[in-house]
Amino acid sequence: ARPLSGRLSDSKGGKFTIYIGLCVTLLVNLLY
């Protein structure tokens, strides 16, 4: 995920990249 996160941060901003990571951890924790 690291290369894509870098490109997204450059193009969409840091908040957008943070949102992706937070949505993943929220969803996966609920699925466990």
PDB file of all heavy atoms in Angstrom:
ATOM      1  N   ALA A   1       0.805  -1.223   0.000  1.00  0.00           N
ATOM      2  CA  ALA A   1       0.000   0.000   0.000  1.00  0.00           C
ATOM      3  C   ALA A   1       0.836   1.269   0.000  1.00  0.00           C
ATOM      4  O   ALA A   1       0.352   2.334  -0.391  1.00  0.00           O
ATOM      5  CB  ALA A   1      -0.929   0.005   1.213  1.00  0.00           C
ATOM      6  N   ARG A   2       2.083   1.193   0.444  1.00  0.00           N
ATOM      7  CA  ARG A   2       2.889   2.404   0.613  1.00  0.00           C
ATOM      8  C   ARG A   2       3.032   3.251  -0.662  1.00  0.00           C
ATOM      9  O   ARG A   2       2.833   4.469  -0.613  1.00  0.00           O
ATOM     10  CB  ARG A   2       4.283   2.029   1.129  1.00  0.00           C
ATOM     11  CG  ARG A   2       4.318   1.459   2.522  1.00  0.00           C
ATOM     12  CD  ARG A   2       3.906   2.465   3.581  1.00  0.00           C
ATOM     13  NE  ARG A   2       4.111   1.910   4.925  1.00  0.00           N
ATOM     14  CZ  ARG A   2       3.749   2.502   6.041  1.00  0.00           C
ATOM     15  NH1 ARG A   2       3.159   3.681   5.981  1.00  0.00           N
ATOM     16  NH2 ARG A   2       3.964   1.942   7.216  1.00  0.00           N
ATOM     17  N   PRO A   3       3.387   2.657  -1.826  1.00  0.00           N
ATOM     18  CA  PRO A   3       3.539   3.500  -3.012  1.00  0.00           C
ATOM     19  C   PRO A   3       2.251   4.248  -3.385  1.00  0.00           C
ATOM     20  O   PRO A   3       2.287   5.421  -3.746  1.00  0.00           O
ATOM     21  CB  PRO A   3       3.947   2.502  -4.109  1.00  0.00           C
ATOM     22  CG  PRO A   3       4.526   1.347  -3.376  1.00  0.00           C
ATOM     23  CD  PRO A   3       3.736   1.247  -2.113  1.00  0.00           C
ATOM     24  N   LEU A   4       1.113   3.547  -3.291  1.00  0.00           N
ATOM     25  CA  LEU A   4      -0.157   4.184  -3.625  1.00  0.00           C
ATOM     26  C   LEU A   4      -0.499   5.279  -2.623  1.00  0.00           C
ATOM     27  O   LEU A   4      -1.008   6.341  -3.006  1.00  0.00           O
ATOM     28  CB  LEU A   4      -1.267   3.138  -3.664  1.00  0.00           C
ATOM     29  CG  LEU A   4      -2.677   3.657  -4.014  1.00  0.00           C
ATOM     30  CD1 LEU A   4      -2.674   4.357  -5.372  1.00  0.00           C
ATOM     31  CD2 LEU A   4      -3.680   2.512  -3.996  1.00  0.00           C
ATOM     32  N   SER A   5      -0.199   5.057  -1.350  1.00  0.00           N
ATOM     33  CA  SER A   5      -0.505   6.068  -0.336  1.00  0.00           C
ATOM     34  C   SER A   5       0.292   7.341  -0.587  1.00  0.00           C
ATOM     35  O   SER A   5      -0.188   8.448  -0.347  1.00  0.00           O
ATOM     36  CB  SER A   5      -0.209   5.522   1.066  1.00  0.00           C
ATOM     37  OG  SER A   5       1.182   5.400   1.307  1.00  0.00           O
ATOM     38  N   GLY A   6       1.520   7.187  -1.074  1.00  0.00           N
ATOM     39  CA  GLY A   6       2.326   8.357  -1.390  1.00  0.00           C
ATOM     40  C   GLY A   6       1.749   9.155  -2.543  1.00  0.00           C
ATOM     41  O   GLY A   6       1.646  10.385  -2.477  1.00  0.00           O
ATOM     42  N   ARG A   7       1.335   8.463  -3.583  1.00  0.00           N
ATOM     43  CA  ARG A   7       0.751   9.160  -4.737  1.00  0.00           C
ATOM     44  C   ARG A   7      -0.568   9.840  -4.377  1.00  0.00           C
ATOM     45  O   ARG A   7      -0.843  10.963  -4.816  1.00  0.00           O
ATOM     46  CB  ARG A   7       0.535   8.165  -5.886  1.00  0.00           C
ATOM     47  CG  ARG A   7       1.826   7.710  -6.548  1.00  0.00           C
ATOM     48  CD  ARG A   7       1.606   7.382  -8.015  1.00  0.00           C
ATOM     49  NE  ARG A   7       2.863   7.233  -8.720  1.00  0.00           N
ATOM     50  CZ  ARG A   7       2.964   7.134 -10.052  1.00  0.00           C
ATOM     51  NH1 ARG A   7       1.876   7.174 -10.790  1.00  0.00           N
ATOM     52  NH2 ARG A   7       4.142   6.996 -10.619  1.00  0.00           N
ATOM     53  N   LEU A   8      -1.372   9.155  -3.577  1.00  0.00           N
ATOM     54  CA  LEU A   8      -2.648   9.749  -3.170  1.00  0.00           C
ATOM     55  C   LEU A   8      -2.448  10.965  -2.278  1.00  0.00           C
ATOM     56  O   LEU A   8      -3.195  11.943  -2.370  1.00  0.00           O
ATOM     57  CB  LEU A   8      -3.510   8.701  -2.456  1.00  0.00           C
ATOM     58  CG  LEU A   8      -4.131   7.625  -3.338  1.00  0.00           C
ATOM     59  CD1 LEU A   8      -4.853   6.589  -2.491  1.00  0.00           C
ATOM     60  CD2 LEU A   8      -5.101   8.250  -4.345  1.00  0.00           C
ATOM     61  N   SER A   9      -1.442  10.918  -1.412  1.00  0.00           N
ATOM     62  CA  SER A   9      -1.157  12.076  -0.564  1.00  0.00           C
ATOM     63  C   SER A   9      -0.748  13.270  -1.411  1.00  0.00           C
ATOM     64  O   SER A   9      -1.186  14.400  -1.173  1.00  0.00           O
ATOM     65  CB  SER A   9      -0.048  11.742   0.440  1.00  0.00           C
ATOM     66  OG  SER A   9      -0.465  10.772   1.363  1.00  0.00           O
ATOM     67  N   ASP A  10       0.073  13.024  -2.429  1.00  0.00           N
ATOM     68  CA  ASP A  10       0.507  14.115  -3.308  1.00  0.00           C
ATOM     69  C   ASP A  10      -0.641  14.687  -4.125  1.00  0.00           C
ATOM     70  O   ASP A  10      -0.692  15.891  -4.385  1.00  0.00           O
ATOM     71  CB  ASP A  10       1.606  13.623  -4.255  1.00  0.00           C
ATOM     72  CG  ASP A  10       2.952  13.473  -3.553  1.00  0.00           C
ATOM     73  OD1 ASP A  10       3.273  14.325  -2.702  1.00  0.00           O
ATOM     74  OD2 ASP A  10       3.676  12.513  -3.863  1.00  0.00           O
ATOM     75  N   SER A  11      -1.575  13.826  -4.534  1.00  0.00           N
ATOM     76  CA  SER A  11      -2.646  14.287  -5.430  1.00  0.00           C
ATOM     77  C   SER A  11      -3.926  14.682  -4.699  1.00  0.00           C
ATOM     78  O   SER A  11      -4.615  15.620  -5.101  1.00  0.00           O
ATOM     79  CB  SER A  11      -2.968  13.196  -6.463  1.00  0.00           C
ATOM     80  OG  SER A  11      -3.410  12.006  -5.827  1.00  0.00           O
ATOM     81  N   LYS A  12      -4.251  13.971  -3.603  1.00  0.00           N
ATOM     82  CA  LYS A  12      -5.512  14.209  -2.901  1.00  0.00           C
ATOM     83  C   LYS A  12      -5.344  14.866  -1.533  1.00  0.00           C
ATOM     84  O   LYS A  12      -6.305  15.370  -0.971  1.00  0.00           O
ATOM     85  CB  LYS A  12      -6.270  12.884  -2.721  1.00  0.00           C
ATOM     86  CG  LYS A  12      -6.595  12.155  -4.008  1.00  0.00           C
ATOM     87  CD  LYS A  12      -7.663  12.885  -4.793  1.00  0.00           C
ATOM     88  CE  LYS A  12      -8.088  12.050  -6.015  1.00  0.00           C
ATOM     89  NZ  LYS A  12      -9.143  12.749  -6.811  1.00  0.00           N
ATOM     90  N   GLY A  13      -4.140  14.789  -0.984  1.00  0.00           N
ATOM     91  CA  GLY A  13      -3.907  15.369   0.331  1.00  0.00           C
ATOM     92  C   GLY A  13      -3.805  14.315   1.423  1.00  0.00           C
ATOM     93  O   GLY A  13      -4.200  13.160   1.249  1.00  0.00           O
ATOM     94  N   GLY A  14      -3.263  14.744   2.561  1.00  0.00           N
ATOM     95  CA  GLY A  14      -3.054  13.827   3.677  1.00  0.00           C
ATOM     96  C   GLY A  14      -4.343  13.301   4.275  1.00  0.00           C
ATOM     97  O   GLY A  14      -4.428  12.130   4.651  1.00  0.00           O
ATOM     98  N   LYS A  15      -5.367  14.161   4.382  1.00  0.00           N
ATOM     99  CA  LYS A  15      -6.629  13.729   4.985  1.00  0.00           C
ATOM    100  C   LYS A  15      -7.253  12.572   4.220  1.00  0.00           C
ATOM    101  O   LYS A  15      -7.763  11.624   4.820  1.00  0.00           O
ATOM    102  CB  LYS A  15      -7.628  14.889   5.042  1.00  0.00           C
ATOM    103  CG  LYS A  15      -7.497  15.788   6.247  1.00  0.00           C
ATOM    104  CD  LYS A  15      -8.614  16.803   6.324  1.00  0.00           C
ATOM    105  CE  LYS A  15      -9.955  16.158   6.612  1.00  0.00           C
ATOM    106  NZ  LYS A  15     -11.032  17.143   6.806  1.00  0.00           N
ATOM    107  N   PHE A  16      -7.217  12.635   2.912  1.00  0.00           N
ATOM    108  CA  PHE A  16      -7.804  11.587   2.081  1.00  0.00           C
ATOM    109  C   PHE A  16      -7.127  10.242   2.363  1.00  0.00           C
ATOM    110  O   PHE A  16      -7.797   9.209   2.508  1.00  0.00           O
ATOM    111  CB  PHE A  16      -7.661  11.957   0.604  1.00  0.00           C
ATOM    112  CG  PHE A  16      -8.301  10.979  -0.348  1.00  0.00           C
ATOM    113  CD1 PHE A  16      -9.656  11.041  -0.626  1.00  0.00           C
ATOM    114  CD2 PHE A  16      -7.544   9.988  -0.958  1.00  0.00           C
ATOM    115  CE1 PHE A  16     -10.254  10.136  -1.498  1.00  0.00           C
ATOM    116  CE2 PHE A  16      -8.125   9.079  -1.827  1.00  0.00           C
ATOM    117  CZ  PHE A  16      -9.481   9.156  -2.099  1.00  0.00           C
ATOM    118  N   THR A  17      -5.795  10.272   2.459  1.00  0.00           N
ATOM    119  CA  THR A  17      -5.042   9.043   2.721  1.00  0.00           C
ATOM    120  C   THR A  17      -5.334   8.510   4.116  1.00  0.00           C
ATOM    121  O   THR A  17      -5.447   7.296   4.321  1.00  0.00           O
ATOM    122  CB  THR A  17      -3.536   9.309   2.554  1.00  0.00           C
ATOM    123  OG1 THR A  17      -3.300   9.997   1.319  1.00  0.00           O
ATOM    124  CG2 THR A  17      -2.752   8.011   2.549  1.00  0.00           C
ATOM    125  N   ILE A  18      -5.460   9.412   5.086  1.00  0.00           N
ATOM    126  CA  ILE A  18      -5.799   8.999   6.454  1.00  0.00           C
ATOM    127  C   ILE A  18      -7.165   8.329   6.477  1.00  0.00           C
ATOM    128  O   ILE A  18      -7.349   7.288   7.131  1.00  0.00           O
ATOM    129  CB  ILE A  18      -5.793  10.214   7.406  1.00  0.00           C
ATOM    130  CG1 ILE A  18      -4.379  10.774   7.559  1.00  0.00           C
ATOM    131  CG2 ILE A  18      -6.334   9.821   8.788  1.00  0.00           C
ATOM    132  CD1 ILE A  18      -4.323  12.112   8.275  1.00  0.00           C
ATOM    133  N   TYR A  19      -8.121   8.910   5.779  1.00  0.00           N
ATOM    134  CA  TYR A  19      -9.483   8.350   5.748  1.00  0.00           C
ATOM    135  C   TYR A  19      -9.481   6.900   5.268  1.00  0.00           C
ATOM    136  O   TYR A  19     -10.202   6.046   5.801  1.00  0.00           O
ATOM    137  CB  TYR A  19     -10.384   9.178   4.835  1.00  0.00           C
ATOM    138  CG  TYR A  19     -10.906  10.457   5.449  1.00  0.00           C
ATOM    139  CD1 TYR A  19     -11.062  11.603   4.678  1.00  0.00           C
ATOM    140  CD2 TYR A  19     -11.263  10.520   6.791  1.00  0.00           C
ATOM    141  CE1 TYR A  19     -11.543  12.782   5.227  1.00  0.00           C
ATOM    142  CE2 TYR A  19     -11.748  11.688   7.354  1.00  0.00           C
ATOM    143  CZ  TYR A  19     -11.876  12.824   6.563  1.00  0.00           C
ATOM    144  OH  TYR A  19     -12.359  13.983   7.115  1.00  0.00           O
ATOM    145  N   ILE A  20      -8.683   6.612   4.239  1.00  0.00           N
ATOM    146  CA  ILE A  20      -8.634   5.245   3.719  1.00  0.00           C
ATOM    147  C   ILE A  20      -8.154   4.285   4.802  1.00  0.00           C
ATOM    148  O   ILE A  20      -8.765   3.243   5.059  1.00  0.00           O
ATOM    149  CB  ILE A  20      -7.713   5.156   2.485  1.00  0.00           C
ATOM    150  CG1 ILE A  20      -8.291   5.970   1.325  1.00  0.00           C
ATOM    151  CG2 ILE A  20      -7.522   3.695   2.061  1.00  0.00           C
ATOM    152  CD1 ILE A  20      -7.384   6.039   0.114  1.00  0.00           C
ATOM    153  N   GLY A  21      -7.057   4.649   5.466  1.00  0.00           N
ATOM    154  CA  GLY A  21      -6.522   3.791   6.514  1.00  0.00           C
ATOM    155  C   GLY A  21      -7.494   3.592   7.661  1.00  0.00           C
ATOM    156  O   GLY A  21      -7.656   2.472   8.173  1.00  0.00           O
ATOM    157  N   LEU A  22      -8.187   4.647   8.070  1.00  0.00           N
ATOM    158  CA  LEU A  22      -9.132   4.552   9.181  1.00  0.00           C
ATOM    159  C   LEU A  22     -10.358   3.724   8.805  1.00  0.00           C
ATOM    160  O   LEU A  22     -10.875   2.966   9.638  1.00  0.00           O
ATOM    161  CB  LEU A  22      -9.553   5.950   9.629  1.00  0.00           C
ATOM    162  CG  LEU A  22      -8.451   6.810  10.258  1.00  0.00           C
ATOM    163  CD1 LEU A  22      -8.985   8.179  10.641  1.00  0.00           C
ATOM    164  CD2 LEU A  22      -7.841   6.121  11.473  1.00  0.00           C
ATOM    165  N   CYS A  23     -10.832   3.865   7.583  1.00  0.00           N
ATOM    166  CA  CYS A  23     -11.983   3.063   7.138  1.00  0.00           C
ATOM    167  C   CYS A  23     -11.634   1.574   7.127  1.00  0.00           C
ATOM    168  O   CYS A  23     -12.456   0.734   7.502  1.00  0.00           O
ATOM    169  CB  CYS A  23     -12.430   3.507   5.749  1.00  0.00           C
ATOM    170  SG  CYS A  23     -13.287   5.098   5.723  1.00  0.00           S
ATOM    171  N   VAL A  24     -10.407   1.255   6.700  1.00  0.00           N
ATOM    172  CA  VAL A  24      -9.979  -0.147   6.671  1.00  0.00           C
ATOM    173  C   VAL A  24      -9.932  -0.723   8.081  1.00  0.00           C
ATOM    174  O   VAL A  24     -10.464  -1.809   8.347  1.00  0.00           O
ATOM    175  CB  VAL A  24      -8.601  -0.288   5.988  1.00  0.00           C
ATOM    176  CG1 VAL A  24      -8.053  -1.703   6.166  1.00  0.00           C
ATOM    177  CG2 VAL A  24      -8.702   0.043   4.505  1.00  0.00           C
ATOM    178  N   THR A  25      -9.305   0.000   9.018  1.00  0.00           N
ATOM    179  CA  THR A  25      -9.187  -0.550  10.375  1.00  0.00           C
ATOM    180  C   THR A  25     -10.551  -0.668  11.045  1.00  0.00           C
ATOM    181  O   THR A  25     -10.804  -1.621  11.795  1.00  0.00           O
ATOM    182  CB  THR A  25      -8.219   0.302  11.230  1.00  0.00           C
ATOM    183  OG1 THR A  25      -7.791  -0.468  12.353  1.00  0.00           O
ATOM    184  CG2 THR A  25      -8.844   1.591  11.724  1.00  0.00           C
ATOM    185  N   LEU A  26     -11.446   0.259  10.776  1.00  0.00           N
ATOM    186  CA  LEU A  26     -12.797   0.192  11.336  1.00  0.00           C
ATOM    187  C   LEU A  26     -13.551  -1.018  10.799  1.00  0.00           C
ATOM    188  O   LEU A  26     -14.135  -1.810  11.561  1.00  0.00           O
ATOM    189  CB  LEU A  26     -13.555   1.489  11.013  1.00  0.00           C
ATOM    190  CG  LEU A  26     -15.030   1.556  11.404  1.00  0.00           C
ATOM    191  CD1 LEU A  26     -15.198   1.360  12.906  1.00  0.00           C
ATOM    192  CD2 LEU A  26     -15.634   2.889  10.973  1.00  0.00           C
ATOM    193  N   LEU A  27     -13.540  -1.195   9.479  1.00  0.00           N
ATOM    194  CA  LEU A  27     -14.272  -2.286   8.844  1.00  0.00           C
ATOM    195  C   LEU A  27     -13.722  -3.655   9.251  1.00  0.00           C
ATOM    196  O   LEU A  27     -14.486  -4.560   9.624  1.00  0.00           O
ATOM    197  CB  LEU A  27     -14.218  -2.132   7.327  1.00  0.00           C
ATOM    198  CG  LEU A  27     -14.896  -3.232   6.504  1.00  0.00           C
ATOM    199  CD1 LEU A  27     -16.391  -3.278   6.812  1.00  0.00           C
ATOM    200  CD2 LEU A  27     -14.666  -3.009   5.011  1.00  0.00           C
ATOM    201  N   VAL A  28     -12.396  -3.813   9.204  1.00  0.00           N
ATOM    202  CA  VAL A  28     -11.802  -5.116   9.495  1.00  0.00           C
ATOM    203  C   VAL A  28     -12.012  -5.504  10.958  1.00  0.00           C
ATOM    204  O   VAL A  28     -12.308  -6.657  11.268  1.00  0.00           O
ATOM    205  CB  VAL A  28     -10.306  -5.124   9.125  1.00  0.00           C
ATOM    206  CG1 VAL A  28      -9.643  -6.421   9.575  1.00  0.00           C
ATOM    207  CG2 VAL A  28     -10.124  -4.954   7.626  1.00  0.00           C
ATOM    208  N   ASN A  29     -11.875  -4.542  11.866  1.00  0.00           N
ATOM    209  CA  ASN A  29     -12.117  -4.841  13.281  1.00  0.00           C
ATOM    210  C   ASN A  29     -13.555  -5.307  13.521  1.00  0.00           C
ATOM    211  O   ASN A  29     -13.811  -6.147  14.392  1.00  0.00           O
ATOM    212  CB  ASN A  29     -11.798  -3.623  14.148  1.00  0.00           C
ATOM    213  CG  ASN A  29     -10.344  -3.561  14.562  1.00  0.00           C
ATOM    214  OD1 ASN A  29      -9.778  -4.536  15.028  1.00  0.00           O
ATOM    215  ND2 ASN A  29      -9.725  -2.403  14.384  1.00  0.00           N
ATOM    216  N   LEU A  30     -14.477  -4.771  12.766  1.00  0.00           N
ATOM    217  CA  LEU A  30     -15.872  -5.196  12.899  1.00  0.00           C
ATOM    218  C   LEU A  30     -16.102  -6.591  12.313  1.00  0.00           C
ATOM    219  O   LEU A  30     -16.993  -7.318  12.761  1.00  0.00           O
ATOM    220  CB  LEU A  30     -16.797  -4.188  12.203  1.00  0.00           C
ATOM    221  CG  LEU A  30     -16.964  -2.825  12.899  1.00  0.00           C
ATOM    222  CD1 LEU A  30     -17.783  -1.886  12.018  1.00  0.00           C
ATOM    223  CD2 LEU A  30     -17.634  -2.988  14.259  1.00  0.00           C
ATOM    224  N   LEU A  31     -15.294  -6.972  11.339  1.00  0.00           N
ATOM    225  CA  LEU A  31     -15.457  -8.276  10.684  1.00  0.00           C
ATOM    226  C   LEU A  31     -14.811  -9.424  11.449  1.00  0.00           C
ATOM    227  O   LEU A  31     -15.267 -10.569  11.358  1.00  0.00           O
ATOM    228  CB  LEU A  31     -14.881  -8.221   9.274  1.00  0.00           C
ATOM    229  CG  LEU A  31     -15.672  -7.412   8.235  1.00  0.00           C
ATOM    230  CD1 LEU A  31     -14.916  -7.350   6.923  1.00  0.00           C
ATOM    231  CD2 LEU A  31     -17.053  -8.020   8.025  1.00  0.00           C
ATOM    232  N   TYR A  32     -13.758  -9.145  12.197  1.00  0.00           N
ATOM    233  CA  TYR A  32     -13.043 -10.219  12.904  1.00  0.00           C
ATOM    234  C   TYR A  32     -13.966 -11.160  13.690  1.00  0.00           C
ATOM    235  O   TYR A  32     -13.844 -12.388  13.589  1.00  0.00           O
ATOM    236  CB  TYR A  32     -12.005  -9.631  13.855  1.00  0.00           C
ATOM    237  CG  TYR A  32     -10.667  -9.276  13.254  1.00  0.00           C
ATOM    238  CD1 TYR A  32     -10.158  -7.979  13.355  1.00  0.00           C
ATOM    239  CD2 TYR A  32      -9.880 -10.233  12.615  1.00  0.00           C
ATOM    240  CE1 TYR A  32      -8.919  -7.636  12.829  1.00  0.00           C
ATOM    241  CE2 TYR A  32      -8.645  -9.897  12.077  1.00  0.00           C
ATOM    242  CZ  TYR A  32      -8.171  -8.598  12.187  1.00  0.00           C
ATOM    243  OH  TYR A  32      -6.949  -8.276  11.658  1.00  0.00           O
TER     244      TYR A  32
END
